[in-house]
Amino acid sequence: MARSPRNRQFFPLLATLILVVTTCSDPVEAFHSGGVGDCIGCHSMHRPDPGQTGTGTDNSISLTGSDPGSTCLKCHLAVGEKRPTFHLVATADGDMPSGVPPAQLSPGGDFGWLKKSYRWGTWGGEDGGSSPGERHGHNIVALDYRFAADTGRTTAPGGTFPSNSLSCISCHDPHGKYRRLADGSIGKTGIPIQASGSYNTSPDPSGDRAVGVYRLLGGKGYASSLYDGAPFTADPPAAVSPENYNRPEDHGDTRVAYGKGMSEWCSNCHPAQLGGTGGGKTHPAGNDIKFSSAVAANYNAYVASGNLTGNPSTSYSSMVPFEMGTADYALLKGTAASTGSQRAGPGTSSNVMCLSCHRAHASGWDHAMRWNTKSEFLVFNGKYPGVEDIEVPSRISEGRARAETRKTHYDRPTTAYATYQRSLCNKCHAKD
């Protein structure tokens, strides 16, 4: 039976609605495909969507959220999702009440930790303290989801980027123009992007087809639409992620194969932290900071406090990752894994990077650290510290419930550590 003119108008509309829904429910790399996604996934064609909850007034680019961060989180945050889900980067407020940690376990961490503030009192005459949520990572602005600018810092540590302009698109290019070519070079124009280049399952670039750069990160010359005062001077790093990367690590580490260039890319916004003008390296990091033979030996031998019986073939820990010192994507793809099968440690060609100690998005600890650097113990008497244990000094639990502390270790059992486990700085420095 022939369709009526009215039906002919209805079906294209239905197809459009299905497209908008599936852009958020399907794998997100299918939406981005290593480059620009479907325009209507982020923009309304004629006007901003009604009913926006944010207070932003300038939406001249017709975003579907009140601001760029809110638009990203329409797909990358899901209310009611309390399990790690690979494309999510933040847990909704109502899904992490007091004592309940954020749920997402990607290598970059969960922005939900920015909503978790802690205070603790005295114990045995010792002073109390605090750990405000805004100290836990990058304070993205996303008004529709109550993410606000850092109130304590007006600019990026070691740089000039203004805090009130920080958004998801400050780091990630929403239009995905940066591409990796067959010769390893990175550009913004030229041959088309065929797919994401972020994964161990991604295709390789060829003579007439490029792949997207790692995680759609901005490269040389990048300046987001929110702030163009300091265009990037470094391209995205050489790195490869396993396809299944947002997962608990109680049965094996998630290994992102970091090759080279991560610290240099971070210095786009934090130049002084890497020894740029007016600064000095707080901790040495970068392509030229290679593991000495002594540090590599420490890393490979260290298992836990008091246990230096490890070996180079099984010493890797995603709690203290390192760069392999290479841009060989065949090697990187063969190393990236989420099965715990790739456990080889560093050698003298490996190097320290910013992400050896920090999470890229946020963590449960100050300064987005991977572990608590301000406590004497990470594990106390065979248990993760928590406020519910009255035998644990408050300076060690620091206001966190045990479940929250465990989640910062990505659900590792305490048996992965010593009964009284100290700082993971010892993974490289082996002083305990």
Protein backbone atom coordinates (compact mmCIF):
# COMPACT_ATOMS: atom_id res chain seq x y z
CA MET A 1 0.00 0.00 0.00
CA ALA A 2 1.40 3.38 -0.96
CA ARG A 3 2.37 5.77 1.81
CA SER A 4 0.41 8.97 2.17
CA PRO A 5 2.26 12.29 1.86
CA ARG A 6 1.84 12.64 5.61
CA ASN A 7 3.59 9.32 6.18
CA ARG A 8 6.39 10.28 3.83
CA GLN A 9 7.05 13.27 6.09
CA PHE A 10 6.84 11.13 9.23
CA PHE A 11 9.41 8.47 8.35
CA PRO A 12 12.39 10.82 7.75
CA LEU A 13 11.54 12.45 11.09
CA LEU A 14 11.44 9.04 12.77
CA ALA A 15 14.82 8.17 11.24
CA THR A 16 16.27 11.41 12.59
CA LEU A 17 14.95 10.69 16.09
CA ILE A 18 16.40 7.18 16.00
CA LEU A 19 19.75 8.62 14.94
CA VAL A 20 19.81 11.07 17.85
CA VAL A 21 19.00 8.30 20.35
CA THR A 22 21.50 5.80 19.00
CA THR A 23 24.36 8.27 19.00
CA CYS A 24 24.32 8.02 22.79
CA SER A 25 23.34 4.37 23.27
CA ASP A 26 25.68 2.82 20.71
CA PRO A 27 29.45 2.62 21.18
CA VAL A 28 30.68 6.19 21.15
CA GLU A 29 33.62 5.47 18.89
CA ALA A 30 30.98 4.61 16.28
CA PHE A 31 29.55 8.10 16.74
CA HIS A 32 32.87 9.92 16.59
CA SER A 33 34.55 7.39 14.24
CA GLY A 34 37.88 9.02 14.97
CA GLY A 35 36.72 12.35 13.59
CA VAL A 36 33.66 14.57 13.46
CA GLY A 37 30.43 12.87 14.50
CA ASP A 38 26.90 13.41 13.26
CA CYS A 39 26.25 17.15 13.45
CA ILE A 40 22.80 16.79 15.02
CA GLY A 41 24.25 14.68 17.82
CA CYS A 42 25.61 17.92 19.32
CA HIS A 43 23.84 20.75 17.51
CA SER A 44 20.18 21.60 17.01
CA MET A 45 19.70 22.50 13.39
CA HIS A 46 17.45 25.52 13.92
CA ARG A 47 17.61 26.53 17.57
CA PRO A 48 18.92 25.31 20.96
CA ASP A 49 16.88 22.59 22.57
CA PRO A 50 14.16 23.86 24.92
CA GLY A 51 14.23 23.12 28.62
CA GLN A 52 17.95 23.54 29.18
CA THR A 53 18.75 23.63 32.86
CA GLY A 54 21.96 25.60 32.71
CA THR A 55 22.36 29.35 33.02
CA GLY A 56 24.50 29.95 29.95
CA THR A 57 23.13 32.68 27.69
CA ASP A 58 25.38 32.47 24.64
CA ASN A 59 24.42 29.47 22.57
CA SER A 60 25.03 30.95 19.17
CA ILE A 61 26.34 27.61 17.88
CA SER A 62 23.04 25.91 18.77
CA LEU A 63 24.39 23.23 21.07
CA THR A 64 21.97 20.70 22.52
CA GLY A 65 23.31 21.51 26.00
CA SER A 66 23.81 24.82 27.78
CA ASP A 67 27.55 24.73 27.11
CA PRO A 68 30.10 22.43 25.44
CA GLY A 69 30.76 20.39 28.59
CA SER A 70 27.05 19.77 29.13
CA THR A 71 26.67 18.74 25.49
CA CYS A 72 29.44 16.17 25.87
CA LEU A 73 27.96 14.79 29.08
CA LYS A 74 24.57 14.22 27.44
CA CYS A 75 26.20 11.08 26.05
CA HIS A 76 29.10 10.58 28.46
CA LEU A 77 27.04 10.60 31.70
CA ALA A 78 23.99 8.38 32.26
CA VAL A 79 21.68 8.83 35.23
CA GLY A 80 21.05 5.49 36.96
CA GLU A 81 24.13 3.78 35.51
CA LYS A 82 26.00 2.39 38.50
CA ARG A 83 28.37 0.07 36.64
CA PRO A 84 31.46 0.84 34.58
CA THR A 85 30.23 1.54 31.05
CA PHE A 86 32.97 2.10 28.55
CA HIS A 87 32.02 5.49 27.09
CA LEU A 88 30.93 7.13 30.38
CA VAL A 89 33.30 9.53 32.12
CA ALA A 90 31.17 10.73 35.04
CA THR A 91 28.66 9.35 37.55
CA ALA A 92 25.42 11.24 38.18
CA ASP A 93 25.01 12.95 41.56
CA GLY A 94 22.13 10.75 42.68
CA ASP A 95 24.07 7.57 41.96
CA MET A 96 26.88 8.35 44.42
CA PRO A 97 25.37 9.42 47.77
CA SER A 98 27.57 9.83 50.84
CA GLY A 99 29.90 6.87 51.26
CA VAL A 100 29.22 5.54 47.74
CA PRO A 101 32.02 6.09 45.21
CA PRO A 102 31.69 7.11 41.57
CA ALA A 103 31.22 4.07 39.34
CA GLN A 104 33.31 4.65 36.22
CA LEU A 105 36.75 3.04 36.04
CA SER A 106 38.32 4.23 32.82
CA PRO A 107 42.06 4.96 32.94
CA GLY A 108 41.28 8.69 33.01
CA GLY A 109 39.07 8.42 36.08
CA ASP A 110 35.53 9.59 36.89
CA PHE A 111 34.70 13.30 37.01
CA GLY A 112 32.20 12.42 39.75
CA TRP A 113 35.06 12.62 42.25
CA LEU A 114 34.89 16.40 41.81
CA LYS A 115 31.57 16.26 43.70
CA LYS A 116 33.07 14.32 46.62
CA SER A 117 34.48 16.48 49.42
CA TYR A 118 35.90 15.11 52.67
CA ARG A 119 36.76 16.39 56.14
CA TRP A 120 38.18 14.52 59.09
CA GLY A 121 38.72 15.41 62.69
CA THR A 122 41.40 14.72 65.20
CA TRP A 123 42.46 11.27 66.29
CA GLY A 124 44.76 10.72 69.24
CA GLY A 125 45.57 14.41 69.44
CA GLU A 126 46.45 14.74 65.75
CA ASP A 127 45.12 17.54 63.58
CA GLY A 128 42.21 17.00 61.18
CA GLY A 129 42.08 18.04 57.57
CA SER A 130 40.03 18.37 54.42
CA SER A 131 40.02 17.23 50.80
CA PRO A 132 37.62 19.39 48.77
CA GLY A 133 36.20 17.88 45.60
CA GLU A 134 37.57 20.58 43.36
CA ARG A 135 41.09 19.43 44.27
CA HIS A 136 40.40 15.97 42.81
CA GLY A 137 41.00 16.70 39.14
CA HIS A 138 40.21 18.88 36.14
CA ASN A 139 37.23 21.06 37.05
CA ILE A 140 35.30 21.01 33.81
CA VAL A 141 32.45 23.48 33.37
CA ALA A 142 29.16 21.72 32.55
CA LEU A 143 26.32 23.73 34.02
CA ASP A 144 23.56 21.27 33.21
CA TYR A 145 25.28 18.69 35.44
CA ARG A 146 26.50 21.01 38.21
CA PHE A 147 30.16 20.95 37.22
CA ALA A 148 31.69 24.37 37.88
CA ALA A 149 35.02 26.10 37.50
CA ASP A 150 37.70 25.76 40.15
CA THR A 151 37.16 28.44 42.78
CA GLY A 152 40.66 28.19 44.20
CA ARG A 153 42.71 28.50 41.00
CA THR A 154 42.03 31.02 38.27
CA THR A 155 44.48 29.46 35.81
CA ALA A 156 45.94 26.03 35.12
CA PRO A 157 48.80 25.10 37.46
CA GLY A 158 52.02 25.98 35.66
CA GLY A 159 50.16 27.73 32.85
CA THR A 160 47.81 30.51 31.79
CA PHE A 161 44.68 28.66 30.67
CA PRO A 162 41.71 30.25 32.52
CA SER A 163 39.83 27.89 34.82
CA ASN A 164 36.43 29.28 33.88
CA SER A 165 37.03 28.24 30.26
CA LEU A 166 37.94 24.64 31.05
CA SER A 167 35.66 22.20 29.27
CA CYS A 168 35.83 18.76 27.69
CA ILE A 169 36.69 20.48 24.41
CA SER A 170 39.65 22.21 26.01
CA CYS A 171 41.50 18.92 25.53
CA HIS A 172 39.38 16.94 23.06
CA ASP A 173 38.69 18.34 19.62
CA PRO A 174 34.91 17.91 19.17
CA HIS A 175 35.28 17.96 15.40
CA GLY A 176 38.14 15.50 15.39
CA LYS A 177 40.23 17.21 12.74
CA TYR A 178 43.57 15.80 13.87
CA ARG A 179 44.58 12.62 12.06
CA ARG A 180 47.50 10.21 12.01
CA LEU A 181 48.95 9.36 8.62
CA ALA A 182 50.75 6.23 7.43
CA ASP A 183 54.18 7.80 8.00
CA GLY A 184 53.28 8.58 11.62
CA SER A 185 52.87 12.29 11.11
CA ILE A 186 49.84 14.19 12.40
CA GLY A 187 47.89 16.80 10.47
CA LYS A 188 44.53 18.57 10.37
CA THR A 189 43.74 18.31 6.66
CA GLY A 190 44.35 16.00 3.74
CA ILE A 191 43.27 12.42 3.30
CA PRO A 192 40.06 11.44 5.10
CA ILE A 193 39.81 9.78 8.50
CA GLN A 194 38.49 6.24 8.13
CA ALA A 195 38.09 5.33 11.82
CA SER A 196 39.35 5.86 15.35
CA GLY A 197 43.05 5.26 15.88
CA SER A 198 42.78 4.90 19.66
CA TYR A 199 42.34 1.14 20.02
CA ASN A 200 44.24 -2.10 19.59
CA THR A 201 41.47 -3.07 17.16
CA SER A 202 41.72 0.14 15.11
CA PRO A 203 42.78 -0.10 11.47
CA ASP A 204 46.16 1.18 10.42
CA PRO A 205 46.40 4.32 8.30
CA SER A 206 47.23 3.78 4.63
CA GLY A 207 48.23 5.88 1.66
CA ASP A 208 44.72 7.21 1.11
CA ARG A 209 43.16 6.83 4.54
CA ALA A 210 44.09 8.30 7.92
CA VAL A 211 42.95 7.38 11.42
CA GLY A 212 41.99 9.68 14.25
CA VAL A 213 44.55 10.63 16.87
CA TYR A 214 44.44 9.22 20.38
CA ARG A 215 41.17 10.14 22.12
CA LEU A 216 40.41 13.02 19.70
CA LEU A 217 42.98 15.15 21.51
CA GLY A 218 43.87 18.52 20.09
CA GLY A 219 47.24 18.93 18.42
CA LYS A 220 49.57 21.71 17.32
CA GLY A 221 47.67 24.93 16.78
CA TYR A 222 44.53 23.70 18.57
CA ALA A 223 42.49 26.31 20.41
CA SER A 224 39.00 25.49 21.63
CA SER A 225 36.09 27.73 20.82
CA LEU A 226 36.04 28.84 24.47
CA TYR A 227 39.62 30.13 24.66
CA ASP A 228 42.15 30.80 21.93
CA GLY A 229 44.76 32.66 23.94
CA ALA A 230 47.38 29.89 23.92
CA PRO A 231 47.19 27.48 20.96
CA PHE A 232 48.72 24.05 21.57
CA THR A 233 52.37 23.54 20.68
CA ALA A 234 52.49 19.72 20.99
CA ASP A 235 50.66 17.00 19.11
CA PRO A 236 48.75 14.15 20.80
CA PRO A 237 50.80 11.27 22.20
CA ALA A 238 51.46 7.91 20.63
CA ALA A 239 49.22 5.63 22.68
CA VAL A 240 46.81 2.72 22.23
CA SER A 241 43.97 1.61 24.49
CA PRO A 242 42.39 -1.82 24.70
CA GLU A 243 38.81 -1.75 23.47
CA ASN A 244 37.50 -2.87 26.89
CA TYR A 245 39.03 -0.21 29.10
CA ASN A 246 36.33 0.87 31.57
CA ARG A 247 36.37 -2.03 33.98
CA PRO A 248 37.31 -3.06 37.52
CA GLU A 249 40.84 -4.41 37.87
CA ASP A 250 40.21 -7.08 40.49
CA HIS A 251 41.06 -9.78 37.93
CA GLY A 252 43.87 -8.12 36.03
CA ASP A 253 45.12 -4.69 35.05
CA THR A 254 43.83 -2.62 32.17
CA ARG A 255 46.92 -1.75 30.20
CA VAL A 256 46.94 1.29 27.98
CA ALA A 257 50.09 1.13 25.87
CA TYR A 258 51.54 4.59 26.34
CA GLY A 259 54.28 5.08 23.76
CA LYS A 260 55.66 8.60 23.95
CA GLY A 261 54.63 12.25 24.10
CA MET A 262 52.05 12.23 26.89
CA SER A 263 53.86 14.70 29.17
CA GLU A 264 54.70 16.95 26.25
CA TRP A 265 51.01 17.05 25.36
CA CYS A 266 50.05 17.88 28.98
CA SER A 267 52.50 20.78 28.82
CA ASN A 268 50.23 22.49 26.28
CA CYS A 269 48.39 23.80 29.34
CA HIS A 270 50.97 23.15 32.09
CA PRO A 271 54.28 24.23 30.51
CA ALA A 272 56.01 25.25 33.73
CA GLN A 273 55.32 21.82 35.23
CA LEU A 274 57.52 20.32 32.53
CA GLY A 275 60.31 22.82 32.95
CA GLY A 276 59.01 25.48 30.56
CA THR A 277 59.53 29.23 30.87
CA GLY A 278 59.44 30.28 34.51
CA GLY A 279 59.12 26.77 35.83
CA GLY A 280 60.95 23.65 36.83
CA LYS A 281 60.03 20.00 36.79
CA THR A 282 58.38 19.19 40.10
CA HIS A 283 58.99 15.56 39.22
CA PRO A 284 61.03 14.69 36.13
CA ALA A 285 58.78 13.53 33.28
CA GLY A 286 58.83 13.45 29.50
CA ASN A 287 60.32 11.68 26.51
CA ASP A 288 63.84 12.47 27.67
CA ILE A 289 63.37 11.23 31.24
CA LYS A 290 64.36 7.61 30.81
CA PHE A 291 64.37 5.01 33.54
CA SER A 292 67.83 4.49 34.89
CA SER A 293 68.85 0.86 35.25
CA ALA A 294 68.40 1.23 39.03
CA VAL A 295 64.86 2.64 38.74
CA ALA A 296 63.85 0.00 36.19
CA ALA A 297 65.22 -2.67 38.53
CA ASN A 298 63.24 -1.20 41.43
CA TYR A 299 60.00 -1.13 39.42
CA ASN A 300 60.44 -4.70 38.21
CA ALA A 301 61.32 -6.07 41.64
CA TYR A 302 58.66 -4.23 43.63
CA VAL A 303 55.52 -6.23 44.41
CA ALA A 304 54.39 -4.59 47.64
CA SER A 305 55.86 -3.05 50.79
CA GLY A 306 58.61 -5.35 51.99
CA ASN A 307 58.29 -7.61 48.94
CA LEU A 308 60.96 -7.11 46.26
CA THR A 309 60.65 -10.54 44.63
CA GLY A 310 59.09 -9.41 41.34
CA ASN A 311 60.51 -9.91 37.87
CA PRO A 312 60.47 -7.89 34.61
CA SER A 313 58.00 -10.18 32.85
CA THR A 314 55.15 -9.64 35.33
CA SER A 315 55.89 -6.34 37.09
CA TYR A 316 53.55 -3.94 35.26
CA SER A 317 50.96 -2.10 37.34
CA SER A 318 48.33 0.24 35.89
CA MET A 319 48.46 2.07 39.20
CA VAL A 320 51.94 3.22 38.12
CA PRO A 321 52.02 3.14 34.30
CA PHE A 322 54.94 4.31 32.19
CA GLU A 323 55.71 5.18 28.58
CA MET A 324 57.45 2.58 26.46
CA GLY A 325 59.49 5.19 24.60
CA THR A 326 58.24 4.28 21.13
CA ALA A 327 55.76 5.28 18.42
CA ASP A 328 55.74 1.80 16.89
CA TYR A 329 52.00 1.19 16.67
CA ALA A 330 52.38 -2.52 15.95
CA LEU A 331 54.20 -2.86 19.26
CA LEU A 332 51.71 -0.62 21.06
CA LYS A 333 48.71 -2.55 19.72
CA GLY A 334 50.28 -5.80 20.84
CA THR A 335 50.82 -4.40 24.34
CA ALA A 336 47.41 -2.81 25.01
CA ALA A 337 45.22 -5.35 26.84
CA SER A 338 42.46 -5.67 29.42
CA THR A 339 43.01 -9.34 30.22
CA GLY A 340 46.05 -8.94 32.46
CA SER A 341 48.09 -10.77 29.84
CA GLN A 342 50.53 -7.95 29.06
CA ARG A 343 52.50 -7.50 32.26
CA ALA A 344 56.06 -6.75 31.17
CA GLY A 345 57.76 -3.97 33.09
CA PRO A 346 60.01 -1.12 31.96
CA GLY A 347 63.53 -1.05 30.67
CA THR A 348 66.00 1.78 30.18
CA SER A 349 64.17 2.96 27.03
CA SER A 350 60.99 3.56 29.06
CA ASN A 351 60.16 6.91 30.61
CA VAL A 352 58.15 8.56 33.34
CA MET A 353 55.13 10.62 32.27
CA CYS A 354 52.52 12.80 33.97
CA LEU A 355 50.04 9.91 33.93
CA SER A 356 52.46 7.70 35.86
CA CYS A 357 51.10 9.41 38.96
CA HIS A 358 47.97 11.33 37.89
CA ARG A 359 44.65 10.40 36.30
CA ALA A 360 43.79 12.53 33.28
CA HIS A 361 40.23 13.39 34.39
CA ALA A 362 39.85 13.03 38.15
CA SER A 363 40.45 10.64 41.03
CA GLY A 364 39.45 10.17 44.66
CA TRP A 365 42.61 11.93 45.84
CA ASP A 366 43.97 15.45 45.75
CA HIS A 367 45.55 16.59 42.48
CA ALA A 368 44.02 13.62 40.60
CA MET A 369 46.66 11.34 42.06
CA ARG A 370 46.28 7.62 41.41
CA TRP A 371 46.83 6.81 45.08
CA ASN A 372 46.79 8.78 48.31
CA THR A 373 50.13 10.55 48.56
CA LYS A 374 49.18 12.29 51.80
CA SER A 375 48.65 9.21 53.96
CA GLU A 376 51.17 6.99 55.66
CA PHE A 377 49.38 3.79 54.59
CA LEU A 378 47.30 2.73 51.59
CA VAL A 379 46.31 -0.54 53.29
CA PHE A 380 46.12 -0.69 57.09
CA ASN A 381 46.11 -4.00 58.94
CA GLY A 382 45.10 -5.86 55.78
CA LYS A 383 42.12 -3.58 55.00
CA TYR A 384 41.50 -0.50 52.93
CA PRO A 385 41.13 2.44 55.35
CA GLY A 386 37.58 3.65 55.99
CA VAL A 387 35.78 5.86 58.47
CA GLU A 388 33.64 2.92 59.60
CA ASP A 389 36.73 1.30 61.16
CA ILE A 390 37.31 3.03 64.48
CA GLU A 391 40.75 1.43 64.79
CA VAL A 392 42.06 3.34 61.77
CA PRO A 393 43.52 6.79 62.50
CA SER A 394 41.52 9.52 60.77
CA ARG A 395 44.68 10.82 59.11
CA ILE A 396 44.76 7.51 57.17
CA SER A 397 41.08 7.13 56.21
CA GLU A 398 40.82 10.89 55.51
CA GLY A 399 37.03 10.94 55.60
CA ARG A 400 36.54 8.22 52.97
CA ALA A 401 34.40 5.15 53.44
CA ARG A 402 36.20 1.87 52.79
CA ALA A 403 34.23 1.36 49.57
CA GLU A 404 35.44 4.73 48.31
CA THR A 405 39.07 3.94 49.11
CA ARG A 406 38.80 0.56 47.39
CA LYS A 407 37.28 2.17 44.30
CA THR A 408 40.26 4.49 43.94
CA HIS A 409 42.30 1.31 43.57
CA TYR A 410 39.87 0.12 40.89
CA ASP A 411 38.53 -2.67 43.11
CA ARG A 412 41.85 -4.45 43.60
CA PRO A 413 41.73 -6.83 46.55
CA THR A 414 43.94 -5.83 49.44
CA THR A 415 45.89 -9.05 48.87
CA ALA A 416 47.48 -7.27 45.91
CA TYR A 417 49.33 -5.21 48.50
CA ALA A 418 51.10 -5.69 51.80
CA THR A 419 49.23 -5.91 55.11
CA TYR A 420 50.57 -2.44 55.85
CA GLN A 421 51.04 -1.03 52.35
CA ARG A 422 52.81 2.26 51.95
CA SER A 423 52.98 4.75 49.07
CA LEU A 424 53.30 3.49 45.50
CA CYS A 425 56.09 6.01 45.00
CA ASN A 426 58.09 3.00 46.13
CA LYS A 427 57.29 1.20 42.89
CA CYS A 428 60.09 3.23 41.35
CA HIS A 429 62.02 4.29 44.43
CA ALA A 430 61.75 1.14 46.58
CA LYS A 431 62.48 2.81 49.93
CA ASP A 432 60.13 0.68 52.06
